[in-house]
Every structure is written in C-alpha cells, then in structure tokens.
Amino acid sequence: MFCLKDGEIKVAPRDTAMSHLEWFEAERWVTPDDQHFMEATVRGMFIPDKNAIFLYRGRGFFFDDDLIAEANRRARQLQTALMLDAHVMVYAGPADTGIRGRRYEQKLLGTIESLTRKG
C-alpha cells in the first residue's frame, strides 16, 4: 500500500492489515473532521497475485487524466519504492471492479517498463 504525499512516495508498513484510511489516520494525515487528504491523494497498492499495481483517489476509487499523468511520471519511482520488476502491470482504478455491489472503472495503463519509456 502506498500514497503520494508532499512529492514523495510513502509506503505503508509491510504486511499491514490497515486500510488506507486507517494508515492515514495513524499517520495523522486525516482526521474525522478533515478528509481532504483521503479524497485528493493518489494512493494505491501492489497485488502480487495479479502482478499489478492499482492507483486511484478518494473513497470512490476514481481516476482522471491528472492521476494517469502522475502514474506515467512516477512509474520508475514506484518501481523503486515498491521493489517491483519492470513487467508489473499498472492500472488506474481499484484492484476489484466490483466492491460491495458497486461497479468501478479500471483502466490498464501499461507495464512499468512501457510507462518509463514514455516518460
């Protein structure tokens, strides 16, 4: 699990059972009264079984052109921070397109290798 904060990639403690929100609360990046960080911050996770990372924002797991551009710019940094190989797939959107009966969009951006060639 990771997020982009203050221009840096922050990585959650390895094998944590916390959600992003719980991690952000533990770090005091969000409070019950101020959820802006949760909604605005690019965050995501690496799913080893899928050999893929997923990036999104907010409780709605949304993405836009800005998030996609950020993923392209940060592909090499994500690879280094998360110790990933170049063949890991990069997606915008959540790892599961169906969560609690709701459907979420997901878009394949390419592999880390293909994104680093673009940048």
PDB file of N, CA and C in Angstrom:
ATOM      1  N   MET A   1       0.862  -1.166   0.000  1.00  0.00           N
ATOM      2  CA  MET A   1       0.000   0.000   0.000  1.00  0.00           C
ATOM      3  C   MET A   1       0.906   1.225   0.000  1.00  0.00           C
ATOM      4  N   PHE A   2       0.521   2.238  -0.769  1.00  0.00           N
ATOM      5  CA  PHE A   2       1.352   3.432  -0.887  1.00  0.00           C
ATOM      6  C   PHE A   2       0.477   4.641  -1.168  1.00  0.00           C
ATOM      7  N   CYS A   3       1.100   5.810  -1.064  1.00  0.00           N
ATOM      8  CA  CYS A   3       0.445   7.051  -1.470  1.00  0.00           C
ATOM      9  C   CYS A   3       1.518   8.053  -1.881  1.00  0.00           C
ATOM     10  N   LEU A   4       1.094   9.093  -2.568  1.00  0.00           N
ATOM     11  CA  LEU A   4       1.976  10.198  -2.929  1.00  0.00           C
ATOM     12  C   LEU A   4       1.672  11.346  -1.980  1.00  0.00           C
ATOM     13  N   LYS A   5       2.664  11.717  -1.173  1.00  0.00           N
ATOM     14  CA  LYS A   5       2.481  12.782  -0.184  1.00  0.00           C
ATOM     15  C   LYS A   5       3.674  13.717  -0.231  1.00  0.00           C
ATOM     16  N   ASP A   6       3.398  14.999  -0.359  1.00  0.00           N
ATOM     17  CA  ASP A   6       4.450  16.019  -0.376  1.00  0.00           C
ATOM     18  C   ASP A   6       5.525  15.702  -1.410  1.00  0.00           C
ATOM     19  N   GLY A   7       5.092  15.212  -2.569  1.00  0.00           N
ATOM     20  CA  GLY A   7       6.018  14.933  -3.661  1.00  0.00           C
ATOM     21  C   GLY A   7       6.806  13.646  -3.520  1.00  0.00           C
ATOM     22  N   GLU A   8       6.526  12.861  -2.492  1.00  0.00           N
ATOM     23  CA  GLU A   8       7.255  11.615  -2.255  1.00  0.00           C
ATOM     24  C   GLU A   8       6.297  10.429  -2.221  1.00  0.00           C
ATOM     25  N   ILE A   9       6.838   9.268  -2.529  1.00  0.00           N
ATOM     26  CA  ILE A   9       6.068   8.040  -2.402  1.00  0.00           C
ATOM     27  C   ILE A   9       6.251   7.518  -0.984  1.00  0.00           C
ATOM     28  N   LYS A  10       5.143   7.412  -0.271  1.00  0.00           N
ATOM     29  CA  LYS A  10       5.148   6.875   1.094  1.00  0.00           C
ATOM     30  C   LYS A  10       4.606   5.449   1.028  1.00  0.00           C
ATOM     31  N   VAL A  11       5.285   4.527   1.683  1.00  0.00           N
ATOM     32  CA  VAL A  11       4.890   3.122   1.669  1.00  0.00           C
ATOM     33  C   VAL A  11       4.454   2.721   3.077  1.00  0.00           C
ATOM     34  N   ALA A  12       3.308   2.067   3.157  1.00  0.00           N
ATOM     35  CA  ALA A  12       2.779   1.606   4.449  1.00  0.00           C
ATOM     36  C   ALA A  12       3.662   0.494   5.007  1.00  0.00           C
ATOM     37  N   PRO A  13       3.569   0.255   6.306  1.00  0.00           N
ATOM     38  CA  PRO A  13       4.320  -0.861   6.892  1.00  0.00           C
ATOM     39  C   PRO A  13       3.996  -2.175   6.166  1.00  0.00           C
ATOM     40  N   ARG A  14       5.014  -2.953   5.929  1.00  0.00           N
ATOM     41  CA  ARG A  14       4.863  -4.226   5.205  1.00  0.00           C
ATOM     42  C   ARG A  14       3.870  -5.144   5.925  1.00  0.00           C
ATOM     43  N   ASP A  15       3.024  -5.805   5.130  1.00  0.00           N
ATOM     44  CA  ASP A  15       2.039  -6.779   5.637  1.00  0.00           C
ATOM     45  C   ASP A  15       1.050  -6.182   6.632  1.00  0.00           C
ATOM     46  N   THR A  16       0.802  -4.884   6.548  1.00  0.00           N
ATOM     47  CA  THR A  16      -0.165  -4.260   7.446  1.00  0.00           C
ATOM     48  C   THR A  16      -1.580  -4.740   7.131  1.00  0.00           C
ATOM     49  N   ALA A  17      -2.397  -4.814   8.144  1.00  0.00           N
ATOM     50  CA  ALA A  17      -3.807  -5.156   7.966  1.00  0.00           C
ATOM     51  C   ALA A  17      -4.666  -3.896   7.854  1.00  0.00           C
ATOM     52  N   MET A  18      -4.028  -2.720   7.980  1.00  0.00           N
ATOM     53  CA  MET A  18      -4.767  -1.455   7.926  1.00  0.00           C
ATOM     54  C   MET A  18      -5.244  -1.155   6.506  1.00  0.00           C
ATOM     55  N   SER A  19      -6.348  -0.420   6.429  1.00  0.00           N
ATOM     56  CA  SER A  19      -6.791   0.154   5.159  1.00  0.00           C
ATOM     57  C   SER A  19      -6.007   1.443   4.937  1.00  0.00           C
ATOM     58  N   HIS A  20      -6.150   2.029   3.742  1.00  0.00           N
ATOM     59  CA  HIS A  20      -5.518   3.330   3.518  1.00  0.00           C
ATOM     60  C   HIS A  20      -5.999   4.338   4.560  1.00  0.00           C
ATOM     61  N   LEU A  21      -7.314   4.387   4.793  1.00  0.00           N
ATOM     62  CA  LEU A  21      -7.854   5.353   5.750  1.00  0.00           C
ATOM     63  C   LEU A  21      -7.259   5.136   7.141  1.00  0.00           C
ATOM     64  N   GLU A  22      -7.178   3.901   7.584  1.00  0.00           N
ATOM     65  CA  GLU A  22      -6.597   3.626   8.908  1.00  0.00           C
ATOM     66  C   GLU A  22      -5.124   4.030   8.957  1.00  0.00           C
ATOM     67  N   TRP A  23      -4.399   3.762   7.889  1.00  0.00           N
ATOM     68  CA  TRP A  23      -2.992   4.162   7.812  1.00  0.00           C
ATOM     69  C   TRP A  23      -2.875   5.680   7.870  1.00  0.00           C
ATOM     70  N   PHE A  24      -3.691   6.384   7.073  1.00  0.00           N
ATOM     71  CA  PHE A  24      -3.651   7.848   7.055  1.00  0.00           C
ATOM     72  C   PHE A  24      -4.000   8.425   8.424  1.00  0.00           C
ATOM     73  N   GLU A  25      -4.978   7.827   9.106  1.00  0.00           N
ATOM     74  CA  GLU A  25      -5.332   8.282  10.456  1.00  0.00           C
ATOM     75  C   GLU A  25      -4.180   8.037  11.429  1.00  0.00           C
ATOM     76  N   ALA A  26      -3.541   6.878  11.336  1.00  0.00           N
ATOM     77  CA  ALA A  26      -2.413   6.562  12.225  1.00  0.00           C
ATOM     78  C   ALA A  26      -1.257   7.541  12.029  1.00  0.00           C
ATOM     79  N   GLU A  27      -1.067   7.993  10.802  1.00  0.00           N
ATOM     80  CA  GLU A  27      -0.012   8.968  10.495  1.00  0.00           C
ATOM     81  C   GLU A  27      -0.450  10.403  10.802  1.00  0.00           C
ATOM     82  N   ARG A  28      -1.726  10.565  11.131  1.00  0.00           N
ATOM     83  CA  ARG A  28      -2.337  11.876  11.397  1.00  0.00           C
ATOM     84  C   ARG A  28      -2.386  12.761  10.149  1.00  0.00           C
ATOM     85  N   TRP A  29      -2.540  12.101   8.992  1.00  0.00           N
ATOM     86  CA  TRP A  29      -2.696  12.829   7.732  1.00  0.00           C
ATOM     87  C   TRP A  29      -4.160  13.182   7.492  1.00  0.00           C
ATOM     88  N   VAL A  30      -5.076  12.461   8.153  1.00  0.00           N
ATOM     89  CA  VAL A  30      -6.509  12.775   8.095  1.00  0.00           C
ATOM     90  C   VAL A  30      -7.063  12.736   9.509  1.00  0.00           C
ATOM     91  N   THR A  31      -8.161  13.433   9.683  1.00  0.00           N
ATOM     92  CA  THR A  31      -8.899  13.405  10.945  1.00  0.00           C
ATOM     93  C   THR A  31     -10.365  13.181  10.602  1.00  0.00           C
ATOM     94  N   PRO A  32     -11.180  12.806  11.576  1.00  0.00           N
ATOM     95  CA  PRO A  32     -12.605  12.643  11.282  1.00  0.00           C
ATOM     96  C   PRO A  32     -13.239  13.913  10.706  1.00  0.00           C
ATOM     97  N   ASP A  33     -12.697  15.081  11.064  1.00  0.00           N
ATOM     98  CA  ASP A  33     -13.248  16.347  10.587  1.00  0.00           C
ATOM     99  C   ASP A  33     -12.658  16.806   9.257  1.00  0.00           C
ATOM    100  N   ASP A  34     -11.542  16.236   8.852  1.00  0.00           N
ATOM    101  CA  ASP A  34     -10.875  16.681   7.626  1.00  0.00           C
ATOM    102  C   ASP A  34     -10.447  15.473   6.803  1.00  0.00           C
ATOM    103  N   GLN A  35     -11.233  15.171   5.803  1.00  0.00           N
ATOM    104  CA  GLN A  35     -10.967  14.023   4.941  1.00  0.00           C
ATOM    105  C   GLN A  35     -10.386  14.445   3.584  1.00  0.00           C
ATOM    106  N   HIS A  36      -9.993  15.713   3.444  1.00  0.00           N
ATOM    107  CA  HIS A  36      -9.483  16.203   2.159  1.00  0.00           C
ATOM    108  C   HIS A  36      -8.307  15.359   1.664  1.00  0.00           C
ATOM    109  N   PHE A  37      -7.384  15.018   2.548  1.00  0.00           N
ATOM    110  CA  PHE A  37      -6.216  14.230   2.147  1.00  0.00           C
ATOM    111  C   PHE A  37      -6.654  12.915   1.501  1.00  0.00           C
ATOM    112  N   MET A  38      -7.637  12.257   2.093  1.00  0.00           N
ATOM    113  CA  MET A  38      -8.137  10.978   1.569  1.00  0.00           C
ATOM    114  C   MET A  38      -8.714  11.154   0.173  1.00  0.00           C
ATOM    115  N   GLU A  39      -9.411  12.235  -0.051  1.00  0.00           N
ATOM    116  CA  GLU A  39     -10.066  12.451  -1.341  1.00  0.00           C
ATOM    117  C   GLU A  39      -9.104  12.928  -2.425  1.00  0.00           C
ATOM    118  N   ALA A  40      -8.076  13.680  -2.048  1.00  0.00           N
ATOM    119  CA  ALA A  40      -7.195  14.308  -3.036  1.00  0.00           C
ATOM    120  C   ALA A  40      -5.933  13.512  -3.356  1.00  0.00           C
ATOM    121  N   THR A  41      -5.513  12.647  -2.465  1.00  0.00           N
ATOM    122  CA  THR A  41      -4.218  11.983  -2.587  1.00  0.00           C
ATOM    123  C   THR A  41      -4.260  10.775  -3.515  1.00  0.00           C
ATOM    124  N   VAL A  42      -3.260  10.690  -4.396  1.00  0.00           N
ATOM    125  CA  VAL A  42      -3.091   9.491  -5.213  1.00  0.00           C
ATOM    126  C   VAL A  42      -2.587   8.389  -4.284  1.00  0.00           C
ATOM    127  N   ARG A  43      -3.273   7.270  -4.308  1.00  0.00           N
ATOM    128  CA  ARG A  43      -2.894   6.146  -3.460  1.00  0.00           C
ATOM    129  C   ARG A  43      -3.090   4.860  -4.242  1.00  0.00           C
ATOM    130  N   GLY A  44      -2.640   3.776  -3.669  1.00  0.00           N
ATOM    131  CA  GLY A  44      -2.821   2.511  -4.364  1.00  0.00           C
ATOM    132  C   GLY A  44      -2.156   1.362  -3.655  1.00  0.00           C
ATOM    133  N   MET A  45      -2.072   0.255  -4.390  1.00  0.00           N
ATOM    134  CA  MET A  45      -1.469  -0.938  -3.811  1.00  0.00           C
ATOM    135  C   MET A  45      -0.936  -1.849  -4.900  1.00  0.00           C
ATOM    136  N   PHE A  46      -0.001  -2.689  -4.490  1.00  0.00           N
ATOM    137  CA  PHE A  46       0.535  -3.744  -5.344  1.00  0.00           C
ATOM    138  C   PHE A  46      -0.142  -5.043  -4.942  1.00  0.00           C
ATOM    139  N   ILE A  47      -0.679  -5.763  -5.920  1.00  0.00           N
ATOM    140  CA  ILE A  47      -1.318  -7.054  -5.681  1.00  0.00           C
ATOM    141  C   ILE A  47      -0.439  -8.128  -6.329  1.00  0.00           C
ATOM    142  N   PRO A  48       0.362  -8.838  -5.528  1.00  0.00           N
ATOM    143  CA  PRO A  48       1.293  -9.817  -6.101  1.00  0.00           C
ATOM    144  C   PRO A  48       0.629 -10.875  -6.984  1.00  0.00           C
ATOM    145  N   ASP A  49      -0.540 -11.380  -6.583  1.00  0.00           N
ATOM    146  CA  ASP A  49      -1.208 -12.424  -7.370  1.00  0.00           C
ATOM    147  C   ASP A  49      -1.605 -11.947  -8.762  1.00  0.00           C
ATOM    148  N   LYS A  50      -1.787 -10.650  -8.914  1.00  0.00           N
ATOM    149  CA  LYS A  50      -2.145 -10.074 -10.214  1.00  0.00           C
ATOM    150  C   LYS A  50      -0.931  -9.462 -10.903  1.00  0.00           C
ATOM    151  N   ASN A  51       0.210  -9.446 -10.202  1.00  0.00           N
ATOM    152  CA  ASN A  51       1.434  -8.802 -10.695  1.00  0.00           C
ATOM    153  C   ASN A  51       1.111  -7.408 -11.225  1.00  0.00           C
ATOM    154  N   ALA A  52       0.393  -6.645 -10.404  1.00  0.00           N
ATOM    155  CA  ALA A  52      -0.092  -5.339 -10.848  1.00  0.00           C
ATOM    156  C   ALA A  52      -0.180  -4.355  -9.688  1.00  0.00           C
ATOM    157  N   ILE A  53      -0.004  -3.078 -10.042  1.00  0.00           N
ATOM    158  CA  ILE A  53      -0.295  -2.012  -9.088  1.00  0.00           C
ATOM    159  C   ILE A  53      -1.522  -1.262  -9.583  1.00  0.00           C
ATOM    160  N   PHE A  54      -2.268  -0.745  -8.631  1.00  0.00           N
ATOM    161  CA  PHE A  54      -3.515  -0.045  -8.897  1.00  0.00           C
ATOM    162  C   PHE A  54      -3.437   1.308  -8.213  1.00  0.00           C
ATOM    163  N   LEU A  55      -3.731   2.384  -8.967  1.00  0.00           N
ATOM    164  CA  LEU A  55      -3.679   3.742  -8.433  1.00  0.00           C
ATOM    165  C   LEU A  55      -5.052   4.387  -8.561  1.00  0.00           C
ATOM    166  N   TYR A  56      -5.425   5.175  -7.551  1.00  0.00           N
ATOM    167  CA  TYR A  56      -6.736   5.819  -7.534  1.00  0.00           C
ATOM    168  C   TYR A  56      -6.737   6.914  -6.486  1.00  0.00           C
ATOM    169  N   ARG A  57      -7.858   7.623  -6.420  1.00  0.00           N
ATOM    170  CA  ARG A  57      -8.068   8.670  -5.411  1.00  0.00           C
ATOM    171  C   ARG A  57      -9.410   8.446  -4.735  1.00  0.00           C
ATOM    172  N   GLY A  58      -9.527   8.977  -3.540  1.00  0.00           N
ATOM    173  CA  GLY A  58     -10.813   9.085  -2.860  1.00  0.00           C
ATOM    174  C   GLY A  58     -11.467   7.779  -2.465  1.00  0.00           C
ATOM    175  N   ARG A  59     -12.565   7.933  -1.758  1.00  0.00           N
ATOM    176  CA  ARG A  59     -13.339   6.764  -1.330  1.00  0.00           C
ATOM    177  C   ARG A  59     -13.996   6.080  -2.519  1.00  0.00           C
ATOM    178  N   GLY A  60     -14.153   6.813  -3.619  1.00  0.00           N
ATOM    179  CA  GLY A  60     -14.778   6.254  -4.817  1.00  0.00           C
ATOM    180  C   GLY A  60     -13.796   5.605  -5.766  1.00  0.00           C
ATOM    181  N   PHE A  61     -12.532   5.486  -5.366  1.00  0.00           N
ATOM    182  CA  PHE A  61     -11.500   4.833  -6.183  1.00  0.00           C
ATOM    183  C   PHE A  61     -11.454   5.409  -7.597  1.00  0.00           C
ATOM    184  N   PHE A  62     -11.577   6.727  -7.708  1.00  0.00           N
ATOM    185  CA  PHE A  62     -11.663   7.334  -9.031  1.00  0.00           C
ATOM    186  C   PHE A  62     -10.287   7.682  -9.584  1.00  0.00           C
ATOM    187  N   PHE A  63     -10.263   7.916 -10.884  1.00  0.00           N
ATOM    188  CA  PHE A  63      -9.055   8.389 -11.549  1.00  0.00           C
ATOM    189  C   PHE A  63      -9.461   9.341 -12.653  1.00  0.00           C
ATOM    190  N   ASP A  64      -8.526  10.188 -13.027  1.00  0.00           N
ATOM    191  CA  ASP A  64      -8.745  11.160 -14.085  1.00  0.00           C
ATOM    192  C   ASP A  64      -7.441  11.312 -14.862  1.00  0.00           C
ATOM    193  N   ASP A  65      -7.423  12.240 -15.818  1.00  0.00           N
ATOM    194  CA  ASP A  65      -6.222  12.444 -16.634  1.00  0.00           C
ATOM    195  C   ASP A  65      -5.022  12.851 -15.789  1.00  0.00           C
ATOM    196  N   ASP A  66      -5.251  13.622 -14.733  1.00  0.00           N
ATOM    197  CA  ASP A  66      -4.147  14.034 -13.856  1.00  0.00           C
ATOM    198  C   ASP A  66      -3.524  12.828 -13.147  1.00  0.00           C
ATOM    199  N   LEU A  67      -4.348  11.918 -12.661  1.00  0.00           N
ATOM    200  CA  LEU A  67      -3.823  10.727 -12.000  1.00  0.00           C
ATOM    201  C   LEU A  67      -3.046   9.871 -12.997  1.00  0.00           C
ATOM    202  N   ILE A  68      -3.556   9.729 -14.206  1.00  0.00           N
ATOM    203  CA  ILE A  68      -2.862   8.938 -15.229  1.00  0.00           C
ATOM    204  C   ILE A  68      -1.517   9.571 -15.570  1.00  0.00           C
ATOM    205  N   ALA A  69      -1.481  10.886 -15.695  1.00  0.00           N
ATOM    206  CA  ALA A  69      -0.212  11.581 -15.963  1.00  0.00           C
ATOM    207  C   ALA A  69       0.763  11.371 -14.806  1.00  0.00           C
ATOM    208  N   GLU A  70       0.262  11.419 -13.583  1.00  0.00           N
ATOM    209  CA  GLU A  70       1.104  11.198 -12.401  1.00  0.00           C
ATOM    210  C   GLU A  70       1.660   9.774 -12.408  1.00  0.00           C
ATOM    211  N   ALA A  71       0.845   8.797 -12.758  1.00  0.00           N
ATOM    212  CA  ALA A  71       1.310   7.406 -12.835  1.00  0.00           C
ATOM    213  C   ALA A  71       2.427   7.272 -13.862  1.00  0.00           C
ATOM    214  N   ASN A  72       2.281   7.939 -14.990  1.00  0.00           N
ATOM    215  CA  ASN A  72       3.325   7.908 -16.018  1.00  0.00           C
ATOM    216  C   ASN A  72       4.614   8.548 -15.514  1.00  0.00           C
ATOM    217  N   ARG A  73       4.491   9.692 -14.861  1.00  0.00           N
ATOM    218  CA  ARG A  73       5.672  10.395 -14.334  1.00  0.00           C
ATOM    219  C   ARG A  73       6.367   9.617 -13.223  1.00  0.00           C
ATOM    220  N   ARG A  74       5.592   8.921 -12.420  1.00  0.00           N
ATOM    221  CA  ARG A  74       6.122   8.274 -11.212  1.00  0.00           C
ATOM    222  C   ARG A  74       6.410   6.783 -11.373  1.00  0.00           C
ATOM    223  N   ALA A  75       6.263   6.233 -12.555  1.00  0.00           N
ATOM    224  CA  ALA A  75       6.416   4.781 -12.736  1.00  0.00           C
ATOM    225  C   ALA A  75       7.754   4.272 -12.213  1.00  0.00           C
ATOM    226  N   ARG A  76       8.837   4.924 -12.566  1.00  0.00           N
ATOM    227  CA  ARG A  76      10.169   4.475 -12.121  1.00  0.00           C
ATOM    228  C   ARG A  76      10.290   4.587 -10.596  1.00  0.00           C
ATOM    229  N   GLN A  77       9.790   5.691 -10.022  1.00  0.00           N
ATOM    230  CA  GLN A  77       9.843   5.857  -8.566  1.00  0.00           C
ATOM    231  C   GLN A  77       9.006   4.795  -7.854  1.00  0.00           C
ATOM    232  N   LEU A  78       7.838   4.480  -8.405  1.00  0.00           N
ATOM    233  CA  LEU A  78       7.000   3.431  -7.820  1.00  0.00           C
ATOM    234  C   LEU A  78       7.720   2.084  -7.884  1.00  0.00           C
ATOM    235  N   GLN A  79       8.367   1.821  -9.009  1.00  0.00           N
ATOM    236  CA  GLN A  79       9.113   0.574  -9.156  1.00  0.00           C
ATOM    237  C   GLN A  79      10.174   0.451  -8.065  1.00  0.00           C
ATOM    238  N   THR A  80      10.916   1.521  -7.846  1.00  0.00           N
ATOM    239  CA  THR A  80      11.982   1.513  -6.844  1.00  0.00           C
ATOM    240  C   THR A  80      11.420   1.412  -5.423  1.00  0.00           C
ATOM    241  N   ALA A  81      10.438   2.252  -5.105  1.00  0.00           N
ATOM    242  CA  ALA A  81       9.888   2.292  -3.742  1.00  0.00           C
ATOM    243  C   ALA A  81       9.234   0.974  -3.338  1.00  0.00           C
ATOM    244  N   LEU A  82       8.585   0.320  -4.308  1.00  0.00           N
ATOM    245  CA  LEU A  82       7.860  -0.917  -4.009  1.00  0.00           C
ATOM    246  C   LEU A  82       8.656  -2.174  -4.380  1.00  0.00           C
ATOM    247  N   MET A  83       9.881  -1.969  -4.886  1.00  0.00           N
ATOM    248  CA  MET A  83      10.766  -3.077  -5.281  1.00  0.00           C
ATOM    249  C   MET A  83      10.076  -4.013  -6.279  1.00  0.00           C
ATOM    250  N   LEU A  84       9.613  -3.425  -7.381  1.00  0.00           N
ATOM    251  CA  LEU A  84       8.879  -4.168  -8.401  1.00  0.00           C
ATOM    252  C   LEU A  84       9.744  -4.386  -9.633  1.00  0.00           C
ATOM    253  N   ASP A  85       9.416  -5.423 -10.404  1.00  0.00           N
ATOM    254  CA  ASP A  85      10.136  -5.601 -11.658  1.00  0.00           C
ATOM    255  C   ASP A  85       9.443  -4.793 -12.757  1.00  0.00           C
ATOM    256  N   ALA A  86      10.099  -4.685 -13.883  1.00  0.00           N
ATOM    257  CA  ALA A  86       9.622  -3.826 -14.972  1.00  0.00           C
ATOM    258  C   ALA A  86       8.370  -4.357 -15.656  1.00  0.00           C
ATOM    259  N   HIS A  87       8.019  -5.620 -15.407  1.00  0.00           N
ATOM    260  CA  HIS A  87       6.877  -6.227 -16.090  1.00  0.00           C
ATOM    261  C   HIS A  87       5.577  -6.144 -15.296  1.00  0.00           C
ATOM    262  N   VAL A  88       5.613  -5.482 -14.161  1.00  0.00           N
ATOM    263  CA  VAL A  88       4.396  -5.284 -13.366  1.00  0.00           C
ATOM    264  C   VAL A  88       3.430  -4.395 -14.151  1.00  0.00           C
ATOM    265  N   MET A  89       2.170  -4.801 -14.194  1.00  0.00           N
ATOM    266  CA  MET A  89       1.133  -4.034 -14.884  1.00  0.00           C
ATOM    267  C   MET A  89       0.695  -2.866 -13.996  1.00  0.00           C
ATOM    268  N   VAL A  90       0.348  -1.754 -14.640  1.00  0.00           N
ATOM    269  CA  VAL A  90      -0.091  -0.559 -13.920  1.00  0.00           C
ATOM    270  C   VAL A  90      -1.518  -0.235 -14.367  1.00  0.00           C
ATOM    271  N   TYR A  91      -2.417  -0.129 -13.401  1.00  0.00           N
ATOM    272  CA  TYR A  91      -3.821   0.175 -13.660  1.00  0.00           C
ATOM    273  C   TYR A  91      -4.232   1.444 -12.928  1.00  0.00           C
ATOM    274  N   ALA A  92      -5.149   2.180 -13.523  1.00  0.00           N
ATOM    275  CA  ALA A  92      -5.859   3.254 -12.834  1.00  0.00           C
ATOM    276  C   ALA A  92      -7.194   2.655 -12.409  1.00  0.00           C
ATOM    277  N   GLY A  93      -7.541   2.852 -11.147  1.00  0.00           N
ATOM    278  CA  GLY A  93      -8.765   2.278 -10.610  1.00  0.00           C
ATOM    279  C   GLY A  93      -8.434   1.207  -9.591  1.00  0.00           C
ATOM    280  N   PRO A  94      -9.452   0.699  -8.900  1.00  0.00           N
ATOM    281  CA  PRO A  94      -9.215  -0.278  -7.836  1.00  0.00           C
ATOM    282  C   PRO A  94      -8.880  -1.665  -8.380  1.00  0.00           C
ATOM    283  N   ALA A  95      -8.314  -2.495  -7.514  1.00  0.00           N
ATOM    284  CA  ALA A  95      -7.945  -3.862  -7.903  1.00  0.00           C
ATOM    285  C   ALA A  95      -9.174  -4.695  -8.255  1.00  0.00           C
ATOM    286  N   ASP A  96     -10.271  -4.457  -7.584  1.00  0.00           N
ATOM    287  CA  ASP A  96     -11.522  -5.158  -7.866  1.00  0.00           C
ATOM    288  C   ASP A  96     -12.511  -4.175  -8.462  1.00  0.00           C
ATOM    289  N   THR A  97     -13.116  -4.542  -9.591  1.00  0.00           N
ATOM    290  CA  THR A  97     -14.069  -3.626 -10.222  1.00  0.00           C
ATOM    291  C   THR A  97     -15.439  -3.681  -9.559  1.00  0.00           C
ATOM    292  N   GLY A  98     -15.696  -4.709  -8.770  1.00  0.00           N
ATOM    293  CA  GLY A  98     -16.945  -4.797  -8.025  1.00  0.00           C
ATOM    294  C   GLY A  98     -16.670  -4.827  -6.535  1.00  0.00           C
ATOM    295  N   ILE A  99     -17.120  -3.797  -5.829  1.00  0.00           N
ATOM    296  CA  ILE A  99     -16.900  -3.711  -4.387  1.00  0.00           C
ATOM    297  C   ILE A  99     -18.236  -3.394  -3.718  1.00  0.00           C
ATOM    298  N   ARG A 100     -18.650  -4.278  -2.816  1.00  0.00           N
ATOM    299  CA  ARG A 100     -19.920  -4.108  -2.084  1.00  0.00           C
ATOM    300  C   ARG A 100     -21.085  -3.778  -3.018  1.00  0.00           C
ATOM    301  N   GLY A 101     -21.182  -4.525  -4.110  1.00  0.00           N
ATOM    302  CA  GLY A 101     -22.291  -4.355  -5.036  1.00  0.00           C
ATOM    303  C   GLY A 101     -22.178  -3.176  -5.984  1.00  0.00           C
ATOM    304  N   ARG A 102     -21.112  -2.436  -5.903  1.00  0.00           N
ATOM    305  CA  ARG A 102     -20.924  -1.269  -6.775  1.00  0.00           C
ATOM    306  C   ARG A 102     -19.834  -1.568  -7.798  1.00  0.00           C
ATOM    307  N   ARG A 103     -20.008  -1.084  -9.025  1.00  0.00           N
ATOM    308  CA  ARG A 103     -19.035  -1.288 -10.101  1.00  0.00           C
ATOM    309  C   ARG A 103     -18.123  -0.076 -10.199  1.00  0.00           C
ATOM    310  N   TYR A 104     -16.829  -0.338 -10.391  1.00  0.00           N
ATOM    311  CA  TYR A 104     -15.829   0.723 -10.521  1.00  0.00           C
ATOM    312  C   TYR A 104     -15.059   0.548 -11.819  1.00  0.00           C
ATOM    313  N   GLU A 105     -14.731   1.670 -12.428  1.00  0.00           N
ATOM    314  CA  GLU A 105     -13.960   1.652 -13.668  1.00  0.00           C
ATOM    315  C   GLU A 105     -12.503   1.319 -13.362  1.00  0.00           C
ATOM    316  N   GLN A 106     -11.885   0.644 -14.318  1.00  0.00           N
ATOM    317  CA  GLN A 106     -10.473   0.288 -14.215  1.00  0.00           C
ATOM    318  C   GLN A 106      -9.872   0.438 -15.613  1.00  0.00           C
ATOM    319  N   LYS A 107      -8.661   0.983 -15.692  1.00  0.00           N
ATOM    320  CA  LYS A 107      -8.021   1.193 -16.992  1.00  0.00           C
ATOM    321  C   LYS A 107      -6.568   0.726 -16.931  1.00  0.00           C
ATOM    322  N   LEU A 108      -6.189  -0.147 -17.858  1.00  0.00           N
ATOM    323  CA  LEU A 108      -4.807  -0.601 -17.954  1.00  0.00           C
ATOM    324  C   LEU A 108      -3.975   0.506 -18.592  1.00  0.00           C
ATOM    325  N   LEU A 109      -2.909   0.930 -17.899  1.00  0.00           N
ATOM    326  CA  LEU A 109      -2.028   1.979 -18.419  1.00  0.00           C
ATOM    327  C   LEU A 109      -0.809   1.396 -19.124  1.00  0.00           C
ATOM    328  N   GLY A 110      -0.452   0.164 -18.799  1.00  0.00           N
ATOM    329  CA  GLY A 110       0.711  -0.494 -19.387  1.00  0.00           C
ATOM    330  C   GLY A 110       1.544  -1.148 -18.306  1.00  0.00           C
ATOM    331  N   THR A 111       2.754  -1.543 -18.668  1.00  0.00           N
ATOM    332  CA  THR A 111       3.688  -2.076 -17.677  1.00  0.00           C
ATOM    333  C   THR A 111       4.544  -0.931 -17.158  1.00  0.00           C
ATOM    334  N   ILE A 112       5.217  -1.165 -16.055  1.00  0.00           N
ATOM    335  CA  ILE A 112       6.152  -0.150 -15.561  1.00  0.00           C
ATOM    336  C   ILE A 112       7.161   0.176 -16.651  1.00  0.00           C
ATOM    337  N   GLU A 113       7.653  -0.858 -17.325  1.00  0.00           N
ATOM    338  CA  GLU A 113       8.633  -0.656 -18.394  1.00  0.00           C
ATOM    339  C   GLU A 113       8.087   0.240 -19.503  1.00  0.00           C
ATOM    340  N   SER A 114       6.864  -0.019 -19.957  1.00  0.00           N
ATOM    341  CA  SER A 114       6.302   0.795 -21.045  1.00  0.00           C
ATOM    342  C   SER A 114       6.048   2.233 -20.595  1.00  0.00           C
ATOM    343  N   LEU A 115       5.658   2.418 -19.342  1.00  0.00           N
ATOM    344  CA  LEU A 115       5.421   3.776 -18.843  1.00  0.00           C
ATOM    345  C   LEU A 115       6.729   4.546 -18.689  1.00  0.00           C
ATOM    346  N   THR A 116       7.795   3.864 -18.285  1.00  0.00           N
ATOM    347  CA  THR A 116       9.072   4.570 -18.123  1.00  0.00           C
ATOM    348  C   THR A 116       9.660   4.944 -19.480  1.00  0.00           C
ATOM    349  N   ARG A 117       9.345   4.194 -20.516  1.00  0.00           N
ATOM    350  CA  ARG A 117       9.802   4.562 -21.864  1.00  0.00           C
ATOM    351  C   ARG A 117       9.094   5.816 -22.364  1.00  0.00           C
ATOM    352  N   LYS A 118       7.826   5.997 -21.959  1.00  0.00           N
ATOM    353  CA  LYS A 118       7.065   7.191 -22.364  1.00  0.00           C
ATOM    354  C   LYS A 118       7.632   8.446 -21.723  1.00  0.00           C
ATOM    355  N   GLY A 119       7.971   8.325 -20.424  1.00  0.00           N
ATOM    356  CA  GLY A 119       8.382   9.473 -19.624  1.00  0.00           C
ATOM    357  C   GLY A 119       9.756   9.907 -19.939  1.00  0.00           C
TER     358      GLY A 119
END
